[in-house]
Amino acid sequence: VHRAVHDCFAEAFVERVRGLRVGDPRED
């Protein structure tokens, strides 16, 4: 990531990753 947008990208990336649901692959 280019240094000019690195921090914005990382912050948004982390927010979306934290929203992922981890669990039994057979569950909805």
mmCIF file of all heavy atoms, coordinates in Angstrom:
data_MODEL
# 
_entry.id   MODEL 
# 
loop_
_atom_site.group_PDB 
_atom_site.id 
_atom_site.type_symbol 
_atom_site.label_atom_id 
_atom_site.label_alt_id 
_atom_site.label_comp_id 
_atom_site.label_asym_id 
_atom_site.label_entity_id 
_atom_site.label_seq_id 
_atom_site.pdbx_PDB_ins_code 
_atom_site.Cartn_x 
_atom_site.Cartn_y 
_atom_site.Cartn_z 
_atom_site.occupancy 
_atom_site.B_iso_or_equiv 
_atom_site.pdbx_formal_charge 
_atom_site.auth_seq_id 
_atom_site.auth_comp_id 
_atom_site.auth_asym_id 
_atom_site.auth_atom_id 
_atom_site.pdbx_PDB_model_num 
ATOM 1   N N   . VAL A 1 1  ? 0.835   -1.199  0.000  1.00 0.00 ? 1  VAL A N   1 
ATOM 2   C CA  . VAL A 1 1  ? 0.000   0.000   0.000  1.00 0.00 ? 1  VAL A CA  1 
ATOM 3   C C   . VAL A 1 1  ? 0.872   1.252   0.000  1.00 0.00 ? 1  VAL A C   1 
ATOM 4   O O   . VAL A 1 1  ? 1.816   1.366   0.795  1.00 0.00 ? 1  VAL A O   1 
ATOM 5   C CB  . VAL A 1 1  ? -0.945  0.002   1.226  1.00 0.00 ? 1  VAL A CB  1 
ATOM 6   C CG1 . VAL A 1 1  ? -1.903  1.185   1.153  1.00 0.00 ? 1  VAL A CG1 1 
ATOM 7   C CG2 . VAL A 1 1  ? -1.720  -1.311  1.322  1.00 0.00 ? 1  VAL A CG2 1 
ATOM 8   N N   . HIS A 1 2  ? 0.539   2.197   -0.889 1.00 0.00 ? 2  HIS A N   1 
ATOM 9   C CA  . HIS A 1 2  ? 1.282   3.451   -0.972 1.00 0.00 ? 2  HIS A CA  1 
ATOM 10  C C   . HIS A 1 2  ? 1.219   4.176   0.372  1.00 0.00 ? 2  HIS A C   1 
ATOM 11  O O   . HIS A 1 2  ? 0.195   4.198   1.041  1.00 0.00 ? 2  HIS A O   1 
ATOM 12  C CB  . HIS A 1 2  ? 0.696   4.332   -2.082 1.00 0.00 ? 2  HIS A CB  1 
ATOM 13  C CG  . HIS A 1 2  ? 1.544   5.510   -2.424 1.00 0.00 ? 2  HIS A CG  1 
ATOM 14  N ND1 . HIS A 1 2  ? 1.571   6.668   -1.663 1.00 0.00 ? 2  HIS A ND1 1 
ATOM 15  C CD2 . HIS A 1 2  ? 2.415   5.717   -3.451 1.00 0.00 ? 2  HIS A CD2 1 
ATOM 16  C CE1 . HIS A 1 2  ? 2.404   7.534   -2.216 1.00 0.00 ? 2  HIS A CE1 1 
ATOM 17  N NE2 . HIS A 1 2  ? 2.932   6.986   -3.301 1.00 0.00 ? 2  HIS A NE2 1 
ATOM 18  N N   . ARG A 1 3  ? 2.335   4.773   0.748  1.00 0.00 ? 3  ARG A N   1 
ATOM 19  C CA  . ARG A 1 3  ? 2.439   5.405   2.069  1.00 0.00 ? 3  ARG A CA  1 
ATOM 20  C C   . ARG A 1 3  ? 1.365   6.463   2.301  1.00 0.00 ? 3  ARG A C   1 
ATOM 21  O O   . ARG A 1 3  ? 0.903   6.668   3.430  1.00 0.00 ? 3  ARG A O   1 
ATOM 22  C CB  . ARG A 1 3  ? 3.822   6.034   2.244  1.00 0.00 ? 3  ARG A CB  1 
ATOM 23  C CG  . ARG A 1 3  ? 4.174   7.080   1.196  1.00 0.00 ? 3  ARG A CG  1 
ATOM 24  C CD  . ARG A 1 3  ? 5.551   7.684   1.427  1.00 0.00 ? 3  ARG A CD  1 
ATOM 25  N NE  . ARG A 1 3  ? 5.934   8.614   0.385  1.00 0.00 ? 3  ARG A NE  1 
ATOM 26  C CZ  . ARG A 1 3  ? 5.487   9.860   0.278  1.00 0.00 ? 3  ARG A CZ  1 
ATOM 27  N NH1 . ARG A 1 3  ? 4.637   10.338  1.169  1.00 0.00 ? 3  ARG A NH1 1 
ATOM 28  N NH2 . ARG A 1 3  ? 5.889   10.647  -0.707 1.00 0.00 ? 3  ARG A NH2 1 
ATOM 29  N N   . ALA A 1 4  ? 0.901   7.137   1.214  1.00 0.00 ? 4  ALA A N   1 
ATOM 30  C CA  . ALA A 1 4  ? -0.084  8.212   1.362  1.00 0.00 ? 4  ALA A CA  1 
ATOM 31  C C   . ALA A 1 4  ? -1.458  7.694   1.789  1.00 0.00 ? 4  ALA A C   1 
ATOM 32  O O   . ALA A 1 4  ? -2.247  8.443   2.367  1.00 0.00 ? 4  ALA A O   1 
ATOM 33  C CB  . ALA A 1 4  ? -0.204  8.988   0.051  1.00 0.00 ? 4  ALA A CB  1 
ATOM 34  N N   . VAL A 1 5  ? -1.758  6.437   1.485  1.00 0.00 ? 5  VAL A N   1 
ATOM 35  C CA  . VAL A 1 5  ? -3.082  5.888   1.817  1.00 0.00 ? 5  VAL A CA  1 
ATOM 36  C C   . VAL A 1 5  ? -2.981  4.680   2.743  1.00 0.00 ? 5  VAL A C   1 
ATOM 37  O O   . VAL A 1 5  ? -3.991  4.035   3.040  1.00 0.00 ? 5  VAL A O   1 
ATOM 38  C CB  . VAL A 1 5  ? -3.861  5.507   0.529  1.00 0.00 ? 5  VAL A CB  1 
ATOM 39  C CG1 . VAL A 1 5  ? -4.133  6.748   -0.310 1.00 0.00 ? 5  VAL A CG1 1 
ATOM 40  C CG2 . VAL A 1 5  ? -3.105  4.460   -0.292 1.00 0.00 ? 5  VAL A CG2 1 
ATOM 41  N N   . HIS A 1 6  ? -1.771  4.385   3.207  1.00 0.00 ? 6  HIS A N   1 
ATOM 42  C CA  . HIS A 1 6  ? -1.541  3.192   4.017  1.00 0.00 ? 6  HIS A CA  1 
ATOM 43  C C   . HIS A 1 6  ? -2.425  3.147   5.254  1.00 0.00 ? 6  HIS A C   1 
ATOM 44  O O   . HIS A 1 6  ? -3.124  2.155   5.517  1.00 0.00 ? 6  HIS A O   1 
ATOM 45  C CB  . HIS A 1 6  ? -0.065  3.115   4.411  1.00 0.00 ? 6  HIS A CB  1 
ATOM 46  C CG  . HIS A 1 6  ? 0.258   1.993   5.362  1.00 0.00 ? 6  HIS A CG  1 
ATOM 47  N ND1 . HIS A 1 6  ? 0.071   2.096   6.725  1.00 0.00 ? 6  HIS A ND1 1 
ATOM 48  C CD2 . HIS A 1 6  ? 0.748   0.746   5.151  1.00 0.00 ? 6  HIS A CD2 1 
ATOM 49  C CE1 . HIS A 1 6  ? 0.429   0.970   7.310  1.00 0.00 ? 6  HIS A CE1 1 
ATOM 50  N NE2 . HIS A 1 6  ? 0.852   0.136   6.386  1.00 0.00 ? 6  HIS A NE2 1 
ATOM 51  N N   . ASP A 1 7  ? -2.435  4.206   6.046  1.00 0.00 ? 7  ASP A N   1 
ATOM 52  C CA  . ASP A 1 7  ? -3.152  4.184   7.315  1.00 0.00 ? 7  ASP A CA  1 
ATOM 53  C C   . ASP A 1 7  ? -4.660  4.077   7.105  1.00 0.00 ? 7  ASP A C   1 
ATOM 54  O O   . ASP A 1 7  ? -5.338  3.336   7.828  1.00 0.00 ? 7  ASP A O   1 
ATOM 55  C CB  . ASP A 1 7  ? -2.810  5.425   8.133  1.00 0.00 ? 7  ASP A CB  1 
ATOM 56  C CG  . ASP A 1 7  ? -1.352  5.427   8.596  1.00 0.00 ? 7  ASP A CG  1 
ATOM 57  O OD1 . ASP A 1 7  ? -0.680  4.383   8.462  1.00 0.00 ? 7  ASP A OD1 1 
ATOM 58  O OD2 . ASP A 1 7  ? -0.894  6.476   9.086  1.00 0.00 ? 7  ASP A OD2 1 
ATOM 59  N N   . CYS A 1 8  ? -5.179  4.809   6.128  1.00 0.00 ? 8  CYS A N   1 
ATOM 60  C CA  . CYS A 1 8  ? -6.618  4.735   5.839  1.00 0.00 ? 8  CYS A CA  1 
ATOM 61  C C   . CYS A 1 8  ? -7.005  3.342   5.380  1.00 0.00 ? 8  CYS A C   1 
ATOM 62  O O   . CYS A 1 8  ? -8.033  2.793   5.799  1.00 0.00 ? 8  CYS A O   1 
ATOM 63  C CB  . CYS A 1 8  ? -6.992  5.770   4.772  1.00 0.00 ? 8  CYS A CB  1 
ATOM 64  S SG  . CYS A 1 8  ? -6.892  7.472   5.333  1.00 0.00 ? 8  CYS A SG  1 
ATOM 65  N N   . PHE A 1 9  ? -6.184  2.751   4.512  1.00 0.00 ? 9  PHE A N   1 
ATOM 66  C CA  . PHE A 1 9  ? -6.458  1.405   4.021  1.00 0.00 ? 9  PHE A CA  1 
ATOM 67  C C   . PHE A 1 9  ? -6.437  0.410   5.172  1.00 0.00 ? 9  PHE A C   1 
ATOM 68  O O   . PHE A 1 9  ? -7.350  -0.422  5.313  1.00 0.00 ? 9  PHE A O   1 
ATOM 69  C CB  . PHE A 1 9  ? -5.436  1.017   2.954  1.00 0.00 ? 9  PHE A CB  1 
ATOM 70  C CG  . PHE A 1 9  ? -5.597  -0.386  2.432  1.00 0.00 ? 9  PHE A CG  1 
ATOM 71  C CD1 . PHE A 1 9  ? -6.428  -0.650  1.354  1.00 0.00 ? 9  PHE A CD1 1 
ATOM 72  C CD2 . PHE A 1 9  ? -4.933  -1.455  3.024  1.00 0.00 ? 9  PHE A CD2 1 
ATOM 73  C CE1 . PHE A 1 9  ? -6.603  -1.946  0.872  1.00 0.00 ? 9  PHE A CE1 1 
ATOM 74  C CE2 . PHE A 1 9  ? -5.087  -2.751  2.548  1.00 0.00 ? 9  PHE A CE2 1 
ATOM 75  C CZ  . PHE A 1 9  ? -5.920  -2.990  1.470  1.00 0.00 ? 9  PHE A CZ  1 
ATOM 76  N N   . ALA A 1 10 ? -5.396  0.464   6.003  1.00 0.00 ? 10 ALA A N   1 
ATOM 77  C CA  . ALA A 1 10 ? -5.252  -0.500  7.096  1.00 0.00 ? 10 ALA A CA  1 
ATOM 78  C C   . ALA A 1 10 ? -6.420  -0.397  8.069  1.00 0.00 ? 10 ALA A C   1 
ATOM 79  O O   . ALA A 1 10 ? -6.963  -1.413  8.529  1.00 0.00 ? 10 ALA A O   1 
ATOM 80  C CB  . ALA A 1 10 ? -3.935  -0.282  7.820  1.00 0.00 ? 10 ALA A CB  1 
ATOM 81  N N   . GLU A 1 11 ? -6.843  0.824   8.404  1.00 0.00 ? 11 GLU A N   1 
ATOM 82  C CA  . GLU A 1 11 ? -7.947  1.014   9.350  1.00 0.00 ? 11 GLU A CA  1 
ATOM 83  C C   . GLU A 1 11 ? -9.242  0.416   8.802  1.00 0.00 ? 11 GLU A C   1 
ATOM 84  O O   . GLU A 1 11 ? -9.964  -0.300  9.511  1.00 0.00 ? 11 GLU A O   1 
ATOM 85  C CB  . GLU A 1 11 ? -8.137  2.500   9.629  1.00 0.00 ? 11 GLU A CB  1 
ATOM 86  C CG  . GLU A 1 11 ? -9.244  2.800   10.617 1.00 0.00 ? 11 GLU A CG  1 
ATOM 87  C CD  . GLU A 1 11 ? -9.404  4.287   10.878 1.00 0.00 ? 11 GLU A CD  1 
ATOM 88  O OE1 . GLU A 1 11 ? -8.584  5.090   10.381 1.00 0.00 ? 11 GLU A OE1 1 
ATOM 89  O OE2 . GLU A 1 11 ? -10.366 4.663   11.589 1.00 0.00 ? 11 GLU A OE2 1 
ATOM 90  N N   . ALA A 1 12 ? -9.543  0.692   7.530  1.00 0.00 ? 12 ALA A N   1 
ATOM 91  C CA  . ALA A 1 12 ? -10.766 0.167   6.921  1.00 0.00 ? 12 ALA A CA  1 
ATOM 92  C C   . ALA A 1 12 ? -10.689 -1.348  6.761  1.00 0.00 ? 12 ALA A C   1 
ATOM 93  O O   . ALA A 1 12 ? -11.698 -2.059  6.924  1.00 0.00 ? 12 ALA A O   1 
ATOM 94  C CB  . ALA A 1 12 ? -10.999 0.843   5.576  1.00 0.00 ? 12 ALA A CB  1 
ATOM 95  N N   . PHE A 1 13 ? -9.507  -1.849  6.440  1.00 0.00 ? 13 PHE A N   1 
ATOM 96  C CA  . PHE A 1 13 ? -9.316  -3.295  6.266  1.00 0.00 ? 13 PHE A CA  1 
ATOM 97  C C   . PHE A 1 13 ? -9.587  -4.019  7.581  1.00 0.00 ? 13 PHE A C   1 
ATOM 98  O O   . PHE A 1 13 ? -10.302 -5.032  7.615  1.00 0.00 ? 13 PHE A O   1 
ATOM 99  C CB  . PHE A 1 13 ? -7.890  -3.553  5.777  1.00 0.00 ? 13 PHE A CB  1 
ATOM 100 C CG  . PHE A 1 13 ? -7.663  -4.918  5.196  1.00 0.00 ? 13 PHE A CG  1 
ATOM 101 C CD1 . PHE A 1 13 ? -7.749  -5.126  3.832  1.00 0.00 ? 13 PHE A CD1 1 
ATOM 102 C CD2 . PHE A 1 13 ? -7.341  -5.996  6.001  1.00 0.00 ? 13 PHE A CD2 1 
ATOM 103 C CE1 . PHE A 1 13 ? -7.527  -6.375  3.278  1.00 0.00 ? 13 PHE A CE1 1 
ATOM 104 C CE2 . PHE A 1 13 ? -7.118  -7.256  5.467  1.00 0.00 ? 13 PHE A CE2 1 
ATOM 105 C CZ  . PHE A 1 13 ? -7.214  -7.443  4.101  1.00 0.00 ? 13 PHE A CZ  1 
ATOM 106 N N   . VAL A 1 14 ? -9.034  -3.512  8.669  1.00 0.00 ? 14 VAL A N   1 
ATOM 107 C CA  . VAL A 1 14 ? -9.213  -4.133  9.974  1.00 0.00 ? 14 VAL A CA  1 
ATOM 108 C C   . VAL A 1 14 ? -10.689 -4.122  10.380 1.00 0.00 ? 14 VAL A C   1 
ATOM 109 O O   . VAL A 1 14 ? -11.211 -5.113  10.899 1.00 0.00 ? 14 VAL A O   1 
ATOM 110 C CB  . VAL A 1 14 ? -8.358  -3.415  11.032 1.00 0.00 ? 14 VAL A CB  1 
ATOM 111 C CG1 . VAL A 1 14 ? -8.760  -3.839  12.439 1.00 0.00 ? 14 VAL A CG1 1 
ATOM 112 C CG2 . VAL A 1 14 ? -6.883  -3.709  10.805 1.00 0.00 ? 14 VAL A CG2 1 
ATOM 113 N N   . GLU A 1 15 ? -11.366 -3.007  10.129 1.00 0.00 ? 15 GLU A N   1 
ATOM 114 C CA  . GLU A 1 15 ? -12.781 -2.920  10.492 1.00 0.00 ? 15 GLU A CA  1 
ATOM 115 C C   . GLU A 1 15 ? -13.599 -3.988  9.781  1.00 0.00 ? 15 GLU A C   1 
ATOM 116 O O   . GLU A 1 15 ? -14.461 -4.638  10.374 1.00 0.00 ? 15 GLU A O   1 
ATOM 117 C CB  . GLU A 1 15 ? -13.318 -1.530  10.148 1.00 0.00 ? 15 GLU A CB  1 
ATOM 118 C CG  . GLU A 1 15 ? -14.776 -1.333  10.529 1.00 0.00 ? 15 GLU A CG  1 
ATOM 119 C CD  . GLU A 1 15 ? -15.284 0.060   10.195 1.00 0.00 ? 15 GLU A CD  1 
ATOM 120 O OE1 . GLU A 1 15 ? -14.508 0.877   9.666  1.00 0.00 ? 15 GLU A OE1 1 
ATOM 121 O OE2 . GLU A 1 15 ? -16.483 0.321   10.455 1.00 0.00 ? 15 GLU A OE2 1 
ATOM 122 N N   . ARG A 1 16 ? -13.314 -4.189  8.495  1.00 0.00 ? 16 ARG A N   1 
ATOM 123 C CA  . ARG A 1 16 ? -14.070 -5.190  7.742  1.00 0.00 ? 16 ARG A CA  1 
ATOM 124 C C   . ARG A 1 16 ? -13.693 -6.611  8.182  1.00 0.00 ? 16 ARG A C   1 
ATOM 125 O O   . ARG A 1 16 ? -14.553 -7.485  8.268  1.00 0.00 ? 16 ARG A O   1 
ATOM 126 C CB  . ARG A 1 16 ? -13.814 -5.006  6.239  1.00 0.00 ? 16 ARG A CB  1 
ATOM 127 C CG  . ARG A 1 16 ? -14.666 -5.890  5.355  1.00 0.00 ? 16 ARG A CG  1 
ATOM 128 C CD  . ARG A 1 16 ? -14.503 -5.517  3.896  1.00 0.00 ? 16 ARG A CD  1 
ATOM 129 N NE  . ARG A 1 16 ? -15.245 -4.334  3.536  1.00 0.00 ? 16 ARG A NE  1 
ATOM 130 C CZ  . ARG A 1 16 ? -16.458 -4.337  3.004  1.00 0.00 ? 16 ARG A CZ  1 
ATOM 131 N NH1 . ARG A 1 16 ? -17.080 -5.486  2.769  1.00 0.00 ? 16 ARG A NH1 1 
ATOM 132 N NH2 . ARG A 1 16 ? -17.050 -3.218  2.684  1.00 0.00 ? 16 ARG A NH2 1 
ATOM 133 N N   . VAL A 1 17 ? -12.428 -6.855  8.467  1.00 0.00 ? 17 VAL A N   1 
ATOM 134 C CA  . VAL A 1 17 ? -11.997 -8.180  8.922  1.00 0.00 ? 17 VAL A CA  1 
ATOM 135 C C   . VAL A 1 17 ? -12.667 -8.541  10.251 1.00 0.00 ? 17 VAL A C   1 
ATOM 136 O O   . VAL A 1 17 ? -13.092 -9.684  10.466 1.00 0.00 ? 17 VAL A O   1 
ATOM 137 C CB  . VAL A 1 17 ? -10.463 -8.233  9.041  1.00 0.00 ? 17 VAL A CB  1 
ATOM 138 C CG1 . VAL A 1 17 ? -10.008 -9.451  9.846  1.00 0.00 ? 17 VAL A CG1 1 
ATOM 139 C CG2 . VAL A 1 17 ? -9.822  -8.275  7.657  1.00 0.00 ? 17 VAL A CG2 1 
ATOM 140 N N   . ARG A 1 18 ? -12.779 -7.551  11.134 1.00 0.00 ? 18 ARG A N   1 
ATOM 141 C CA  . ARG A 1 18 ? -13.408 -7.816  12.436 1.00 0.00 ? 18 ARG A CA  1 
ATOM 142 C C   . ARG A 1 18 ? -14.886 -8.171  12.300 1.00 0.00 ? 18 ARG A C   1 
ATOM 143 O O   . ARG A 1 18 ? -15.471 -8.751  13.200 1.00 0.00 ? 18 ARG A O   1 
ATOM 144 C CB  . ARG A 1 18 ? -13.230 -6.602  13.343 1.00 0.00 ? 18 ARG A CB  1 
ATOM 145 C CG  . ARG A 1 18 ? -11.812 -6.474  13.898 1.00 0.00 ? 18 ARG A CG  1 
ATOM 146 C CD  . ARG A 1 18 ? -11.633 -5.215  14.702 1.00 0.00 ? 18 ARG A CD  1 
ATOM 147 N NE  . ARG A 1 18 ? -10.298 -5.159  15.322 1.00 0.00 ? 18 ARG A NE  1 
ATOM 148 C CZ  . ARG A 1 18 ? -9.731  -4.058  15.784 1.00 0.00 ? 18 ARG A CZ  1 
ATOM 149 N NH1 . ARG A 1 18 ? -10.385 -2.892  15.702 1.00 0.00 ? 18 ARG A NH1 1 
ATOM 150 N NH2 . ARG A 1 18 ? -8.537  -4.100  16.322 1.00 0.00 ? 18 ARG A NH2 1 
ATOM 151 N N   . GLY A 1 19 ? -15.478 -7.820  11.179 1.00 0.00 ? 19 GLY A N   1 
ATOM 152 C CA  . GLY A 1 19 ? -16.881 -8.139  10.949 1.00 0.00 ? 19 GLY A CA  1 
ATOM 153 C C   . GLY A 1 19 ? -17.117 -9.529  10.388 1.00 0.00 ? 19 GLY A C   1 
ATOM 154 O O   . GLY A 1 19 ? -18.281 -9.945  10.230 1.00 0.00 ? 19 GLY A O   1 
ATOM 155 N N   . LEU A 1 20 ? -16.046 -10.255 10.068 1.00 0.00 ? 20 LEU A N   1 
ATOM 156 C CA  . LEU A 1 20 ? -16.195 -11.606 9.534  1.00 0.00 ? 20 LEU A CA  1 
ATOM 157 C C   . LEU A 1 20 ? -16.630 -12.573 10.641 1.00 0.00 ? 20 LEU A C   1 
ATOM 158 O O   . LEU A 1 20 ? -16.143 -12.496 11.773 1.00 0.00 ? 20 LEU A O   1 
ATOM 159 C CB  . LEU A 1 20 ? -14.879 -12.087 8.925  1.00 0.00 ? 20 LEU A CB  1 
ATOM 160 C CG  . LEU A 1 20 ? -14.353 -11.297 7.720  1.00 0.00 ? 20 LEU A CG  1 
ATOM 161 C CD1 . LEU A 1 20 ? -12.966 -11.798 7.326  1.00 0.00 ? 20 LEU A CD1 1 
ATOM 162 C CD2 . LEU A 1 20 ? -15.314 -11.381 6.539  1.00 0.00 ? 20 LEU A CD2 1 
ATOM 163 N N   . ARG A 1 21 ? -17.508 -13.477 10.282 1.00 0.00 ? 21 ARG A N   1 
ATOM 164 C CA  . ARG A 1 21 ? -17.968 -14.473 11.254 1.00 0.00 ? 21 ARG A CA  1 
ATOM 165 C C   . ARG A 1 21 ? -17.179 -15.769 11.069 1.00 0.00 ? 21 ARG A C   1 
ATOM 166 O O   . ARG A 1 21 ? -17.142 -16.339 9.976  1.00 0.00 ? 21 ARG A O   1 
ATOM 167 C CB  . ARG A 1 21 ? -19.462 -14.752 11.076 1.00 0.00 ? 21 ARG A CB  1 
ATOM 168 C CG  . ARG A 1 21 ? -19.996 -15.738 12.118 1.00 0.00 ? 21 ARG A CG  1 
ATOM 169 C CD  . ARG A 1 21 ? -21.452 -16.067 11.895 1.00 0.00 ? 21 ARG A CD  1 
ATOM 170 N NE  . ARG A 1 21 ? -21.878 -17.159 12.767 1.00 0.00 ? 21 ARG A NE  1 
ATOM 171 C CZ  . ARG A 1 21 ? -22.965 -17.886 12.589 1.00 0.00 ? 21 ARG A CZ  1 
ATOM 172 N NH1 . ARG A 1 21 ? -23.769 -17.636 11.564 1.00 0.00 ? 21 ARG A NH1 1 
ATOM 173 N NH2 . ARG A 1 21 ? -23.258 -18.871 13.424 1.00 0.00 ? 21 ARG A NH2 1 
ATOM 174 N N   . VAL A 1 22 ? -16.538 -16.214 12.131 1.00 0.00 ? 22 VAL A N   1 
ATOM 175 C CA  . VAL A 1 22 ? -15.772 -17.454 12.145 1.00 0.00 ? 22 VAL A CA  1 
ATOM 176 C C   . VAL A 1 22 ? -16.610 -18.532 12.813 1.00 0.00 ? 22 VAL A C   1 
ATOM 177 O O   . VAL A 1 22 ? -17.191 -18.304 13.881 1.00 0.00 ? 22 VAL A O   1 
ATOM 178 C CB  . VAL A 1 22 ? -14.444 -17.276 12.918 1.00 0.00 ? 22 VAL A CB  1 
ATOM 179 C CG1 . VAL A 1 22 ? -13.671 -18.583 12.966 1.00 0.00 ? 22 VAL A CG1 1 
ATOM 180 C CG2 . VAL A 1 22 ? -13.610 -16.164 12.291 1.00 0.00 ? 22 VAL A CG2 1 
ATOM 181 N N   . GLY A 1 23 ? -16.711 -19.713 12.181 1.00 0.00 ? 23 GLY A N   1 
ATOM 182 C CA  . GLY A 1 23 ? -17.513 -20.749 12.808 1.00 0.00 ? 23 GLY A CA  1 
ATOM 183 C C   . GLY A 1 23 ? -17.614 -22.015 11.999 1.00 0.00 ? 23 GLY A C   1 
ATOM 184 O O   . GLY A 1 23 ? -16.876 -22.217 11.018 1.00 0.00 ? 23 GLY A O   1 
ATOM 185 N N   . ASP A 1 24 ? -18.537 -22.877 12.405 1.00 0.00 ? 24 ASP A N   1 
ATOM 186 C CA  . ASP A 1 24 ? -18.788 -24.153 11.748 1.00 0.00 ? 24 ASP A CA  1 
ATOM 187 C C   . ASP A 1 24 ? -19.175 -23.888 10.292 1.00 0.00 ? 24 ASP A C   1 
ATOM 188 O O   . ASP A 1 24 ? -20.135 -23.153 10.024 1.00 0.00 ? 24 ASP A O   1 
ATOM 189 C CB  . ASP A 1 24 ? -19.926 -24.873 12.472 1.00 0.00 ? 24 ASP A CB  1 
ATOM 190 C CG  . ASP A 1 24 ? -20.134 -26.304 11.984 1.00 0.00 ? 24 ASP A CG  1 
ATOM 191 O OD1 . ASP A 1 24 ? -19.983 -26.553 10.761 1.00 0.00 ? 24 ASP A OD1 1 
ATOM 192 O OD2 . ASP A 1 24 ? -20.468 -27.167 12.820 1.00 0.00 ? 24 ASP A OD2 1 
ATOM 193 N N   . PRO A 1 25 ? -18.440 -24.461 9.340  1.00 0.00 ? 25 PRO A N   1 
ATOM 194 C CA  . PRO A 1 25 ? -18.720 -24.167 7.931  1.00 0.00 ? 25 PRO A CA  1 
ATOM 195 C C   . PRO A 1 25 ? -20.087 -24.625 7.458  1.00 0.00 ? 25 PRO A C   1 
ATOM 196 O O   . PRO A 1 25 ? -20.540 -24.220 6.389  1.00 0.00 ? 25 PRO A O   1 
ATOM 197 C CB  . PRO A 1 25 ? -17.599 -24.907 7.195  1.00 0.00 ? 25 PRO A CB  1 
ATOM 198 C CG  . PRO A 1 25 ? -17.184 -25.999 8.125  1.00 0.00 ? 25 PRO A CG  1 
ATOM 199 C CD  . PRO A 1 25 ? -17.334 -25.418 9.499  1.00 0.00 ? 25 PRO A CD  1 
ATOM 200 N N   . ARG A 1 26 ? -20.771 -25.449 8.250  1.00 0.00 ? 26 ARG A N   1 
ATOM 201 C CA  . ARG A 1 26 ? -22.097 -25.934 7.876  1.00 0.00 ? 26 ARG A CA  1 
ATOM 202 C C   . ARG A 1 26 ? -23.209 -25.001 8.344  1.00 0.00 ? 26 ARG A C   1 
ATOM 203 O O   . ARG A 1 26 ? -24.376 -25.220 8.024  1.00 0.00 ? 26 ARG A O   1 
ATOM 204 C CB  . ARG A 1 26 ? -22.314 -27.340 8.451  1.00 0.00 ? 26 ARG A CB  1 
ATOM 205 C CG  . ARG A 1 26 ? -21.341 -28.373 7.898  1.00 0.00 ? 26 ARG A CG  1 
ATOM 206 C CD  . ARG A 1 26 ? -21.345 -29.650 8.712  1.00 0.00 ? 26 ARG A CD  1 
ATOM 207 N NE  . ARG A 1 26 ? -20.845 -29.415 10.067 1.00 0.00 ? 26 ARG A NE  1 
ATOM 208 C CZ  . ARG A 1 26 ? -20.694 -30.368 10.981 1.00 0.00 ? 26 ARG A CZ  1 
ATOM 209 N NH1 . ARG A 1 26 ? -21.006 -31.611 10.681 1.00 0.00 ? 26 ARG A NH1 1 
ATOM 210 N NH2 . ARG A 1 26 ? -20.247 -30.082 12.188 1.00 0.00 ? 26 ARG A NH2 1 
ATOM 211 N N   . GLU A 1 27 ? -22.865 -23.962 9.120  1.00 0.00 ? 27 GLU A N   1 
ATOM 212 C CA  . GLU A 1 27 ? -23.864 -23.029 9.633  1.00 0.00 ? 27 GLU A CA  1 
ATOM 213 C C   . GLU A 1 27 ? -24.055 -21.857 8.680  1.00 0.00 ? 27 GLU A C   1 
ATOM 214 O O   . GLU A 1 27 ? -23.120 -21.428 7.997  1.00 0.00 ? 27 GLU A O   1 
ATOM 215 C CB  . GLU A 1 27 ? -23.442 -22.515 11.012 1.00 0.00 ? 27 GLU A CB  1 
ATOM 216 C CG  . GLU A 1 27 ? -23.404 -23.585 12.090 1.00 0.00 ? 27 GLU A CG  1 
ATOM 217 C CD  . GLU A 1 27 ? -22.956 -23.030 13.436 1.00 0.00 ? 27 GLU A CD  1 
ATOM 218 O OE1 . GLU A 1 27 ? -22.657 -21.818 13.508 1.00 0.00 ? 27 GLU A OE1 1 
ATOM 219 O OE2 . GLU A 1 27 ? -22.899 -23.806 14.406 1.00 0.00 ? 27 GLU A OE2 1 
ATOM 220 N N   . ASP A 1 28 ? -25.266 -21.313 8.673  1.00 0.00 ? 28 ASP A N   1 
ATOM 221 C CA  . ASP A 1 28 ? -25.555 -20.151 7.831  1.00 0.00 ? 28 ASP A CA  1 
ATOM 222 C C   . ASP A 1 28 ? -24.775 -18.928 8.322  1.00 0.00 ? 28 ASP A C   1 
ATOM 223 O O   . ASP A 1 28 ? -24.588 -18.728 9.531  1.00 0.00 ? 28 ASP A O   1 
ATOM 224 C CB  . ASP A 1 28 ? -27.054 -19.827 7.870  1.00 0.00 ? 28 ASP A CB  1 
ATOM 225 C CG  . ASP A 1 28 ? -27.900 -20.887 7.183  1.00 0.00 ? 28 ASP A CG  1 
ATOM 226 O OD1 . ASP A 1 28 ? -27.350 -21.624 6.341  1.00 0.00 ? 28 ASP A OD1 1 
ATOM 227 O OD2 . ASP A 1 28 ? -29.104 -20.973 7.497  1.00 0.00 ? 28 ASP A OD2 1 
# 
